[in-house]
């Protein structure tokens, strides 16, 4: 298993983080279904959303994954989308959230 990744988040976001993370977990399955259906434009939108929201919550790696998913969807690069879907899933399994000290 990959090494644990620690992310320090703003305590003001504490109540929002569980839903944000659950939505990203759901995104893994959504991407799988969209790939199956050949819905590259929807995958692009999802990647764009991740790119925009990840950093706002302090999850820069989610931002980067979203960026690559968005670009891969534009290119209809199934292999890269699959790879990034796996990276997202793995990241969600190893990320540890720590509240920043005020």
PDB file of N, CA and C in Angstrom:
ATOM      1  N   UNK A   1       0.845  -1.190   0.000  1.00  0.00           N
ATOM      2  CA  UNK A   1       0.000   0.000   0.000  1.00  0.00           C
ATOM      3  C   UNK A   1       0.882   1.243   0.000  1.00  0.00           C
ATOM      4  N   UNK A   2       0.406   2.288  -0.595  1.00  0.00           N
ATOM      5  CA  UNK A   2       1.152   3.534  -0.695  1.00  0.00           C
ATOM      6  C   UNK A   2       1.297   4.179   0.680  1.00  0.00           C
ATOM      7  N   UNK A   3       2.297   5.027   0.773  1.00  0.00           N
ATOM      8  CA  UNK A   3       2.554   5.746   2.012  1.00  0.00           C
ATOM      9  C   UNK A   3       1.430   6.732   2.309  1.00  0.00           C
ATOM     10  N   UNK A   4       1.136   6.884   3.589  1.00  0.00           N
ATOM     11  CA  UNK A   4       0.109   7.827   4.023  1.00  0.00           C
ATOM     12  C   UNK A   4       0.484   9.248   3.596  1.00  0.00           C
ATOM     13  N   UNK A   5      -0.506   9.990   3.128  1.00  0.00           N
ATOM     14  CA  UNK A   5      -0.293  11.379   2.723  1.00  0.00           C
ATOM     15  C   UNK A   5      -1.094  12.268   3.655  1.00  0.00           C
ATOM     16  N   UNK A   6      -0.403  13.184   4.296  1.00  0.00           N
ATOM     17  CA  UNK A   6      -1.044  14.071   5.266  1.00  0.00           C
ATOM     18  C   UNK A   6      -1.419  15.381   4.572  1.00  0.00           C
ATOM     19  N   UNK A   7      -2.649  15.802   4.783  1.00  0.00           N
ATOM     20  CA  UNK A   7      -3.130  17.079   4.256  1.00  0.00           C
ATOM     21  C   UNK A   7      -3.631  17.895   5.436  1.00  0.00           C
ATOM     22  N   UNK A   8      -3.095  19.104   5.542  1.00  0.00           N
ATOM     23  CA  UNK A   8      -3.516  20.018   6.603  1.00  0.00           C
ATOM     24  C   UNK A   8      -4.628  20.905   6.051  1.00  0.00           C
ATOM     25  N   UNK A   9      -5.763  20.898   6.736  1.00  0.00           N
ATOM     26  CA  UNK A   9      -6.902  21.674   6.255  1.00  0.00           C
ATOM     27  C   UNK A   9      -7.302  22.723   7.290  1.00  0.00           C
ATOM     28  N   UNK A  10      -7.921  23.751   6.789  1.00  0.00           N
ATOM     29  CA  UNK A  10      -8.421  24.846   7.611  1.00  0.00           C
ATOM     30  C   UNK A  10      -9.526  24.314   8.523  1.00  0.00           C
ATOM     31  N   UNK A  11      -9.440  24.573   9.828  1.00  0.00           N
ATOM     32  CA  UNK A  11     -10.489  24.102  10.747  1.00  0.00           C
ATOM     33  C   UNK A  11     -11.884  24.601  10.371  1.00  0.00           C
ATOM     34  N   UNK A  12     -11.961  25.744   9.693  1.00  0.00           N
ATOM     35  CA  UNK A  12     -13.264  26.268   9.272  1.00  0.00           C
ATOM     36  C   UNK A  12     -13.947  25.347   8.260  1.00  0.00           C
ATOM     37  N   UNK A  13     -13.175  24.489   7.607  1.00  0.00           N
ATOM     38  CA  UNK A  13     -13.722  23.574   6.599  1.00  0.00           C
ATOM     39  C   UNK A  13     -14.028  22.187   7.158  1.00  0.00           C
ATOM     40  N   UNK A  14     -13.769  22.002   8.445  1.00  0.00           N
ATOM     41  CA  UNK A  14     -13.889  20.671   9.065  1.00  0.00           C
ATOM     42  C   UNK A  14     -15.228  20.000   8.768  1.00  0.00           C
ATOM     43  N   UNK A  15     -16.317  20.729   8.867  1.00  0.00           N
ATOM     44  CA  UNK A  15     -17.645  20.134   8.660  1.00  0.00           C
ATOM     45  C   UNK A  15     -17.909  19.786   7.191  1.00  0.00           C
ATOM     46  N   UNK A  16     -17.188  20.427   6.274  1.00  0.00           N
ATOM     47  CA  UNK A  16     -17.403  20.202   4.840  1.00  0.00           C
ATOM     48  C   UNK A  16     -16.558  19.054   4.281  1.00  0.00           C
ATOM     49  N   UNK A  17     -15.464  18.741   4.951  1.00  0.00           N
ATOM     50  CA  UNK A  17     -14.508  17.766   4.417  1.00  0.00           C
ATOM     51  C   UNK A  17     -15.115  16.369   4.241  1.00  0.00           C
ATOM     52  N   UNK A  18     -15.872  15.828   5.195  1.00  0.00           N
ATOM     53  CA  UNK A  18     -16.406  14.469   4.988  1.00  0.00           C
ATOM     54  C   UNK A  18     -17.242  14.338   3.709  1.00  0.00           C
ATOM     55  N   UNK A  19     -18.115  15.304   3.449  1.00  0.00           N
ATOM     56  CA  UNK A  19     -18.926  15.253   2.227  1.00  0.00           C
ATOM     57  C   UNK A  19     -18.057  15.402   0.993  1.00  0.00           C
ATOM     58  N   UNK A  20     -17.088  16.313   1.056  1.00  0.00           N
ATOM     59  CA  UNK A  20     -16.181  16.501  -0.081  1.00  0.00           C
ATOM     60  C   UNK A  20     -15.467  15.188  -0.412  1.00  0.00           C
ATOM     61  N   UNK A  21     -14.939  14.528   0.611  1.00  0.00           N
ATOM     62  CA  UNK A  21     -14.196  13.281   0.391  1.00  0.00           C
ATOM     63  C   UNK A  21     -15.132  12.175  -0.101  1.00  0.00           C
ATOM     64  N   UNK A  22     -16.327  12.096   0.442  1.00  0.00           N
ATOM     65  CA  UNK A  22     -17.293  11.089  -0.004  1.00  0.00           C
ATOM     66  C   UNK A  22     -17.663  11.316  -1.471  1.00  0.00           C
ATOM     67  N   UNK A  23     -17.821  12.566  -1.856  1.00  0.00           N
ATOM     68  CA  UNK A  23     -18.112  12.870  -3.260  1.00  0.00           C
ATOM     69  C   UNK A  23     -16.966  12.445  -4.166  1.00  0.00           C
ATOM     70  N   UNK A  24     -15.728  12.618  -3.712  1.00  0.00           N
ATOM     71  CA  UNK A  24     -14.586  12.194  -4.534  1.00  0.00           C
ATOM     72  C   UNK A  24     -14.555  10.658  -4.642  1.00  0.00           C
ATOM     73  N   UNK A  25     -14.909   9.970  -3.558  1.00  0.00           N
ATOM     74  CA  UNK A  25     -14.990   8.500  -3.626  1.00  0.00           C
ATOM     75  C   UNK A  25     -16.062   8.077  -4.639  1.00  0.00           C
ATOM     76  N   UNK A  26     -17.185   8.778  -4.619  1.00  0.00           N
ATOM     77  CA  UNK A  26     -18.243   8.482  -5.584  1.00  0.00           C
ATOM     78  C   UNK A  26     -17.793   8.771  -7.010  1.00  0.00           C
ATOM     79  N   UNK A  27     -16.945   9.790  -7.169  1.00  0.00           N
ATOM     80  CA  UNK A  27     -16.441  10.138  -8.502  1.00  0.00           C
ATOM     81  C   UNK A  27     -15.708   8.976  -9.157  1.00  0.00           C
ATOM     82  N   UNK A  28     -15.036   8.158  -8.362  1.00  0.00           N
ATOM     83  CA  UNK A  28     -14.311   7.011  -8.925  1.00  0.00           C
ATOM     84  C   UNK A  28     -15.283   6.108  -9.683  1.00  0.00           C
ATOM     85  N   UNK A  29     -16.407   5.786  -9.059  1.00  0.00           N
ATOM     86  CA  UNK A  29     -17.412   4.950  -9.715  1.00  0.00           C
ATOM     87  C   UNK A  29     -18.098   5.651 -10.873  1.00  0.00           C
ATOM     88  N   UNK A  30     -18.315   6.951 -10.721  1.00  0.00           N
ATOM     89  CA  UNK A  30     -18.947   7.722 -11.792  1.00  0.00           C
ATOM     90  C   UNK A  30     -18.044   7.733 -13.024  1.00  0.00           C
ATOM     91  N   UNK A  31     -16.760   7.944 -12.815  1.00  0.00           N
ATOM     92  CA  UNK A  31     -15.816   7.934 -13.943  1.00  0.00           C
ATOM     93  C   UNK A  31     -15.843   6.581 -14.639  1.00  0.00           C
ATOM     94  N   UNK A  32     -15.869   5.523 -13.860  1.00  0.00           N
ATOM     95  CA  UNK A  32     -15.930   4.167 -14.431  1.00  0.00           C
ATOM     96  C   UNK A  32     -17.156   4.021 -15.332  1.00  0.00           C
ATOM     97  N   UNK A  33     -18.309   4.456 -14.838  1.00  0.00           N
ATOM     98  CA  UNK A  33     -19.545   4.345 -15.612  1.00  0.00           C
ATOM     99  C   UNK A  33     -19.496   5.229 -16.851  1.00  0.00           C
ATOM    100  N   UNK A  34     -19.009   6.455 -16.698  1.00  0.00           N
ATOM    101  CA  UNK A  34     -18.925   7.371 -17.839  1.00  0.00           C
ATOM    102  C   UNK A  34     -17.968   6.840 -18.908  1.00  0.00           C
ATOM    103  N   UNK A  35     -16.871   6.226 -18.471  1.00  0.00           N
ATOM    104  CA  UNK A  35     -15.951   5.608 -19.442  1.00  0.00           C
ATOM    105  C   UNK A  35     -16.663   4.498 -20.200  1.00  0.00           C
ATOM    106  N   UNK A  36     -17.379   3.673 -19.462  1.00  0.00           N
ATOM    107  CA  UNK A  36     -18.123   2.571 -20.073  1.00  0.00           C
ATOM    108  C   UNK A  36     -19.095   3.092 -21.124  1.00  0.00           C
ATOM    109  N   UNK A  37     -19.716   4.237 -20.830  1.00  0.00           N
ATOM    110  CA  UNK A  37     -20.714   4.824 -21.729  1.00  0.00           C
ATOM    111  C   UNK A  37     -20.098   5.727 -22.802  1.00  0.00           C
ATOM    112  N   UNK A  38     -18.777   5.938 -22.735  1.00  0.00           N
ATOM    113  CA  UNK A  38     -18.119   6.794 -23.711  1.00  0.00           C
ATOM    114  C   UNK A  38     -18.467   8.266 -23.569  1.00  0.00           C
ATOM    115  N   UNK A  39     -18.789   8.696 -22.364  1.00  0.00           N
ATOM    116  CA  UNK A  39     -19.218  10.076 -22.092  1.00  0.00           C
ATOM    117  C   UNK A  39     -18.014  10.956 -21.735  1.00  0.00           C
ATOM    118  N   UNK A  40     -17.167  11.222 -22.709  1.00  0.00           N
ATOM    119  CA  UNK A  40     -15.942  11.970 -22.451  1.00  0.00           C
ATOM    120  C   UNK A  40     -16.208  13.414 -22.014  1.00  0.00           C
ATOM    121  N   UNK A  41     -17.277  14.025 -22.525  1.00  0.00           N
ATOM    122  CA  UNK A  41     -17.562  15.398 -22.133  1.00  0.00           C
ATOM    123  C   UNK A  41     -17.949  15.468 -20.658  1.00  0.00           C
ATOM    124  N   UNK A  42     -18.696  14.482 -20.180  1.00  0.00           N
ATOM    125  CA  UNK A  42     -19.050  14.440 -18.753  1.00  0.00           C
ATOM    126  C   UNK A  42     -17.813  14.168 -17.896  1.00  0.00           C
ATOM    127  N   UNK A  43     -16.920  13.312 -18.379  1.00  0.00           N
ATOM    128  CA  UNK A  43     -15.669  13.050 -17.650  1.00  0.00           C
ATOM    129  C   UNK A  43     -14.858  14.341 -17.583  1.00  0.00           C
ATOM    130  N   UNK A  44     -14.824  15.088 -18.685  1.00  0.00           N
ATOM    131  CA  UNK A  44     -14.097  16.351 -18.714  1.00  0.00           C
ATOM    132  C   UNK A  44     -14.681  17.311 -17.670  1.00  0.00           C
ATOM    133  N   UNK A  45     -16.000  17.398 -17.608  1.00  0.00           N
ATOM    134  CA  UNK A  45     -16.651  18.287 -16.626  1.00  0.00           C
ATOM    135  C   UNK A  45     -16.306  17.873 -15.193  1.00  0.00           C
ATOM    136  N   UNK A  46     -16.321  16.580 -14.956  1.00  0.00           N
ATOM    137  CA  UNK A  46     -16.000  16.072 -13.626  1.00  0.00           C
ATOM    138  C   UNK A  46     -14.551  16.406 -13.262  1.00  0.00           C
ATOM    139  N   UNK A  47     -13.638  16.190 -14.204  1.00  0.00           N
ATOM    140  CA  UNK A  47     -12.232  16.535 -13.969  1.00  0.00           C
ATOM    141  C   UNK A  47     -12.070  18.023 -13.703  1.00  0.00           C
ATOM    142  N   UNK A  48     -12.779  18.833 -14.465  1.00  0.00           N
ATOM    143  CA  UNK A  48     -12.716  20.286 -14.294  1.00  0.00           C
ATOM    144  C   UNK A  48     -13.217  20.685 -12.906  1.00  0.00           C
ATOM    145  N   UNK A  49     -14.274  20.059 -12.466  1.00  0.00           N
ATOM    146  CA  UNK A  49     -14.821  20.327 -11.133  1.00  0.00           C
ATOM    147  C   UNK A  49     -13.819  19.954 -10.042  1.00  0.00           C
ATOM    148  N   UNK A  50     -13.194  18.790 -10.194  1.00  0.00           N
ATOM    149  CA  UNK A  50     -12.181  18.364  -9.215  1.00  0.00           C
ATOM    150  C   UNK A  50     -11.018  19.335  -9.194  1.00  0.00           C
ATOM    151  N   UNK A  51     -10.611  19.755 -10.377  1.00  0.00           N
ATOM    152  CA  UNK A  51      -9.495  20.697 -10.499  1.00  0.00           C
ATOM    153  C   UNK A  51      -9.819  21.977  -9.746  1.00  0.00           C
ATOM    154  N   UNK A  52     -11.047  22.431  -9.854  1.00  0.00           N
ATOM    155  CA  UNK A  52     -11.441  23.676  -9.206  1.00  0.00           C
ATOM    156  C   UNK A  52     -11.639  23.570  -7.711  1.00  0.00           C
ATOM    157  N   UNK A  53     -12.152  22.444  -7.256  1.00  0.00           N
ATOM    158  CA  UNK A  53     -12.508  22.342  -5.838  1.00  0.00           C
ATOM    159  C   UNK A  53     -11.390  21.790  -4.960  1.00  0.00           C
ATOM    160  N   UNK A  54     -10.527  20.964  -5.504  1.00  0.00           N
ATOM    161  CA  UNK A  54      -9.491  20.315  -4.691  1.00  0.00           C
ATOM    162  C   UNK A  54      -8.653  21.296  -3.891  1.00  0.00           C
ATOM    163  N   UNK A  55      -8.102  22.276  -4.582  1.00  0.00           N
ATOM    164  CA  UNK A  55      -7.241  23.242  -3.917  1.00  0.00           C
ATOM    165  C   UNK A  55      -7.978  24.084  -2.903  1.00  0.00           C
ATOM    166  N   UNK A  56      -9.237  24.372  -3.161  1.00  0.00           N
ATOM    167  CA  UNK A  56     -10.026  25.172  -2.240  1.00  0.00           C
ATOM    168  C   UNK A  56     -10.185  24.515  -0.879  1.00  0.00           C
ATOM    169  N   UNK A  57     -10.140  23.189  -0.885  1.00  0.00           N
ATOM    170  CA  UNK A  57     -10.245  22.449   0.373  1.00  0.00           C
ATOM    171  C   UNK A  57      -8.871  22.073   0.926  1.00  0.00           C
ATOM    172  N   UNK A  58      -7.824  22.346   0.149  1.00  0.00           N
ATOM    173  CA  UNK A  58      -6.474  22.015   0.588  1.00  0.00           C
ATOM    174  C   UNK A  58      -5.934  20.723   0.002  1.00  0.00           C
ATOM    175  N   UNK A  59      -6.658  20.129  -0.923  1.00  0.00           N
ATOM    176  CA  UNK A  59      -6.237  18.860  -1.524  1.00  0.00           C
ATOM    177  C   UNK A  59      -5.659  19.111  -2.920  1.00  0.00           C
ATOM    178  N   UNK A  60      -4.411  19.582  -2.943  1.00  0.00           N
ATOM    179  CA  UNK A  60      -3.775  19.934  -4.210  1.00  0.00           C
ATOM    180  C   UNK A  60      -3.610  18.732  -5.124  1.00  0.00           C
ATOM    181  N   UNK A  61      -3.439  17.561  -4.556  1.00  0.00           N
ATOM    182  CA  UNK A  61      -3.300  16.366  -5.391  1.00  0.00           C
ATOM    183  C   UNK A  61      -4.597  16.070  -6.145  1.00  0.00           C
ATOM    184  N   UNK A  62      -5.736  16.319  -5.519  1.00  0.00           N
ATOM    185  CA  UNK A  62      -7.024  16.136  -6.214  1.00  0.00           C
ATOM    186  C   UNK A  62      -7.126  17.147  -7.356  1.00  0.00           C
ATOM    187  N   UNK A  63      -6.644  18.355  -7.130  1.00  0.00           N
ATOM    188  CA  UNK A  63      -6.625  19.362  -8.198  1.00  0.00           C
ATOM    189  C   UNK A  63      -5.812  18.855  -9.384  1.00  0.00           C
ATOM    190  N   UNK A  64      -4.634  18.306  -9.111  1.00  0.00           N
ATOM    191  CA  UNK A  64      -3.772  17.819 -10.192  1.00  0.00           C
ATOM    192  C   UNK A  64      -4.406  16.630 -10.924  1.00  0.00           C
ATOM    193  N   UNK A  65      -4.996  15.716 -10.176  1.00  0.00           N
ATOM    194  CA  UNK A  65      -5.672  14.566 -10.792  1.00  0.00           C
ATOM    195  C   UNK A  65      -6.820  15.058 -11.670  1.00  0.00           C
ATOM    196  N   UNK A  66      -7.590  16.003 -11.169  1.00  0.00           N
ATOM    197  CA  UNK A  66      -8.696  16.558 -11.944  1.00  0.00           C
ATOM    198  C   UNK A  66      -8.227  17.201 -13.232  1.00  0.00           C
ATOM    199  N   UNK A  67      -7.117  17.911 -13.155  1.00  0.00           N
ATOM    200  CA  UNK A  67      -6.552  18.567 -14.344  1.00  0.00           C
ATOM    201  C   UNK A  67      -6.195  17.532 -15.401  1.00  0.00           C
ATOM    202  N   UNK A  68      -5.535  16.457 -14.984  1.00  0.00           N
ATOM    203  CA  UNK A  68      -5.127  15.413 -15.942  1.00  0.00           C
ATOM    204  C   UNK A  68      -6.359  14.704 -16.504  1.00  0.00           C
ATOM    205  N   UNK A  69      -7.349  14.437 -15.658  1.00  0.00           N
ATOM    206  CA  UNK A  69      -8.585  13.801 -16.144  1.00  0.00           C
ATOM    207  C   UNK A  69      -9.254  14.689 -17.183  1.00  0.00           C
ATOM    208  N   UNK A  70      -9.334  15.989 -16.904  1.00  0.00           N
ATOM    209  CA  UNK A  70      -9.949  16.921 -17.851  1.00  0.00           C
ATOM    210  C   UNK A  70      -9.228  16.874 -19.200  1.00  0.00           C
ATOM    211  N   UNK A  71      -7.901  16.951 -19.162  1.00  0.00           N
ATOM    212  CA  UNK A  71      -7.122  16.936 -20.401  1.00  0.00           C
ATOM    213  C   UNK A  71      -7.240  15.598 -21.130  1.00  0.00           C
ATOM    214  N   UNK A  72      -7.214  14.507 -20.372  1.00  0.00           N
ATOM    215  CA  UNK A  72      -7.321  13.187 -20.980  1.00  0.00           C
ATOM    216  C   UNK A  72      -8.690  12.985 -21.622  1.00  0.00           C
ATOM    217  N   UNK A  73      -9.725  13.519 -21.007  1.00  0.00           N
ATOM    218  CA  UNK A  73     -11.075  13.390 -21.570  1.00  0.00           C
ATOM    219  C   UNK A  73     -11.176  14.153 -22.889  1.00  0.00           C
ATOM    220  N   UNK A  74     -10.559  15.318 -22.942  1.00  0.00           N
ATOM    221  CA  UNK A  74     -10.558  16.089 -24.188  1.00  0.00           C
ATOM    222  C   UNK A  74      -9.893  15.299 -25.314  1.00  0.00           C
ATOM    223  N   UNK A  75      -8.855  14.524 -24.961  1.00  0.00           N
ATOM    224  CA  UNK A  75      -8.114  13.728 -25.943  1.00  0.00           C
ATOM    225  C   UNK A  75      -8.708  12.333 -26.133  1.00  0.00           C
ATOM    226  N   UNK A  76      -9.772  12.027 -25.403  1.00  0.00           N
ATOM    227  CA  UNK A  76     -10.388  10.687 -25.415  1.00  0.00           C
ATOM    228  C   UNK A  76      -9.350   9.608 -25.089  1.00  0.00           C
ATOM    229  N   UNK A  77      -8.479   9.917 -24.140  1.00  0.00           N
ATOM    230  CA  UNK A  77      -7.395   9.017 -23.729  1.00  0.00           C
ATOM    231  C   UNK A  77      -7.891   8.124 -22.583  1.00  0.00           C
ATOM    232  N   UNK A  78      -8.467   6.998 -22.959  1.00  0.00           N
ATOM    233  CA  UNK A  78      -9.064   6.081 -21.982  1.00  0.00           C
ATOM    234  C   UNK A  78      -8.022   5.583 -20.988  1.00  0.00           C
ATOM    235  N   UNK A  79      -6.828   5.228 -21.469  1.00  0.00           N
ATOM    236  CA  UNK A  79      -5.796   4.694 -20.575  1.00  0.00           C
ATOM    237  C   UNK A  79      -5.400   5.701 -19.501  1.00  0.00           C
ATOM    238  N   UNK A  80      -5.265   6.968 -19.892  1.00  0.00           N
ATOM    239  CA  UNK A  80      -4.880   7.994 -18.918  1.00  0.00           C
ATOM    240  C   UNK A  80      -6.012   8.255 -17.928  1.00  0.00           C
ATOM    241  N   UNK A  81      -7.233   8.244 -18.400  1.00  0.00           N
ATOM    242  CA  UNK A  81      -8.375   8.418 -17.492  1.00  0.00           C
ATOM    243  C   UNK A  81      -8.411   7.263 -16.491  1.00  0.00           C
ATOM    244  N   UNK A  82      -8.222   6.047 -16.965  1.00  0.00           N
ATOM    245  CA  UNK A  82      -8.192   4.875 -16.072  1.00  0.00           C
ATOM    246  C   UNK A  82      -7.076   5.012 -15.039  1.00  0.00           C
ATOM    247  N   UNK A  83      -5.902   5.455 -15.497  1.00  0.00           N
ATOM    248  CA  UNK A  83      -4.761   5.601 -14.598  1.00  0.00           C
ATOM    249  C   UNK A  83      -5.058   6.641 -13.525  1.00  0.00           C
ATOM    250  N   UNK A  84      -5.641   7.767 -13.927  1.00  0.00           N
ATOM    251  CA  UNK A  84      -5.958   8.829 -12.968  1.00  0.00           C
ATOM    252  C   UNK A  84      -7.086   8.407 -12.026  1.00  0.00           C
ATOM    253  N   UNK A  85      -8.038   7.643 -12.523  1.00  0.00           N
ATOM    254  CA  UNK A  85      -9.107   7.108 -11.664  1.00  0.00           C
ATOM    255  C   UNK A  85      -8.477   6.235 -10.579  1.00  0.00           C
ATOM    256  N   UNK A  86      -7.522   5.419 -10.964  1.00  0.00           N
ATOM    257  CA  UNK A  86      -6.800   4.587  -9.991  1.00  0.00           C
ATOM    258  C   UNK A  86      -6.004   5.428  -9.009  1.00  0.00           C
ATOM    259  N   UNK A  87      -5.358   6.471  -9.514  1.00  0.00           N
ATOM    260  CA  UNK A  87      -4.591   7.364  -8.640  1.00  0.00           C
ATOM    261  C   UNK A  87      -5.502   8.048  -7.623  1.00  0.00           C
ATOM    262  N   UNK A  88      -6.673   8.478  -8.074  1.00  0.00           N
ATOM    263  CA  UNK A  88      -7.630   9.119  -7.170  1.00  0.00           C
ATOM    264  C   UNK A  88      -8.071   8.140  -6.089  1.00  0.00           C
ATOM    265  N   UNK A  89      -8.403   6.932  -6.486  1.00  0.00           N
ATOM    266  CA  UNK A  89      -8.849   5.921  -5.531  1.00  0.00           C
ATOM    267  C   UNK A  89      -7.758   5.631  -4.503  1.00  0.00           C
ATOM    268  N   UNK A  90      -6.536   5.465  -4.982  1.00  0.00           N
ATOM    269  CA  UNK A  90      -5.420   5.184  -4.076  1.00  0.00           C
ATOM    270  C   UNK A  90      -5.177   6.358  -3.127  1.00  0.00           C
ATOM    271  N   UNK A  91      -5.217   7.560  -3.667  1.00  0.00           N
ATOM    272  CA  UNK A  91      -5.011   8.751  -2.848  1.00  0.00           C
ATOM    273  C   UNK A  91      -6.058   8.823  -1.733  1.00  0.00           C
ATOM    274  N   UNK A  92      -7.304   8.571  -2.080  1.00  0.00           N
ATOM    275  CA  UNK A  92      -8.379   8.628  -1.087  1.00  0.00           C
ATOM    276  C   UNK A  92      -8.190   7.573   0.000  1.00  0.00           C
ATOM    277  N   UNK A  93      -7.548   6.465  -0.353  1.00  0.00           N
ATOM    278  CA  UNK A  93      -7.302   5.406   0.628  1.00  0.00           C
ATOM    279  C   UNK A  93      -6.192   5.760   1.617  1.00  0.00           C
ATOM    280  N   UNK A  94      -5.266   6.614   1.209  1.00  0.00           N
ATOM    281  CA  UNK A  94      -4.092   6.875   2.057  1.00  0.00           C
ATOM    282  C   UNK A  94      -4.029   8.265   2.652  1.00  0.00           C
ATOM    283  N   UNK A  95      -4.908   9.166   2.208  1.00  0.00           N
ATOM    284  CA  UNK A  95      -4.839  10.536   2.721  1.00  0.00           C
ATOM    285  C   UNK A  95      -5.299  10.589   4.173  1.00  0.00           C
ATOM    286  N   UNK A  96      -4.562  11.345   4.949  1.00  0.00           N
ATOM    287  CA  UNK A  96      -4.901  11.573   6.369  1.00  0.00           C
ATOM    288  C   UNK A  96      -5.105  13.071   6.523  1.00  0.00           C
ATOM    289  N   UNK A  97      -6.251  13.435   7.063  1.00  0.00           N
ATOM    290  CA  UNK A  97      -6.614  14.837   7.198  1.00  0.00           C
ATOM    291  C   UNK A  97      -6.283  15.307   8.611  1.00  0.00           C
ATOM    292  N   UNK A  98      -5.534  16.400   8.691  1.00  0.00           N
ATOM    293  CA  UNK A  98      -5.151  16.982   9.966  1.00  0.00           C
ATOM    294  C   UNK A  98      -5.601  18.440   9.944  1.00  0.00           C
ATOM    295  N   UNK A  99      -6.278  18.857  10.988  1.00  0.00           N
ATOM    296  CA  UNK A  99      -6.688  20.259  11.085  1.00  0.00           C
ATOM    297  C   UNK A  99      -5.489  21.129  11.432  1.00  0.00           C
ATOM    298  N   UNK A 100      -5.351  22.234  10.728  1.00  0.00           N
ATOM    299  CA  UNK A 100      -4.265  23.172  11.014  1.00  0.00           C
ATOM    300  C   UNK A 100      -4.485  23.794  12.383  1.00  0.00           C
ATOM    301  N   UNK A 101      -3.387  24.060  13.047  1.00  0.00           N
ATOM    302  CA  UNK A 101      -3.466  24.766  14.333  1.00  0.00           C
ATOM    303  C   UNK A 101      -3.834  26.216  14.067  1.00  0.00           C
ATOM    304  N   UNK A 102      -4.665  26.748  14.924  1.00  0.00           N
ATOM    305  CA  UNK A 102      -5.070  28.162  14.741  1.00  0.00           C
ATOM    306  C   UNK A 102      -4.094  29.073  15.452  1.00  0.00           C
TER     307      UNK A 102
END
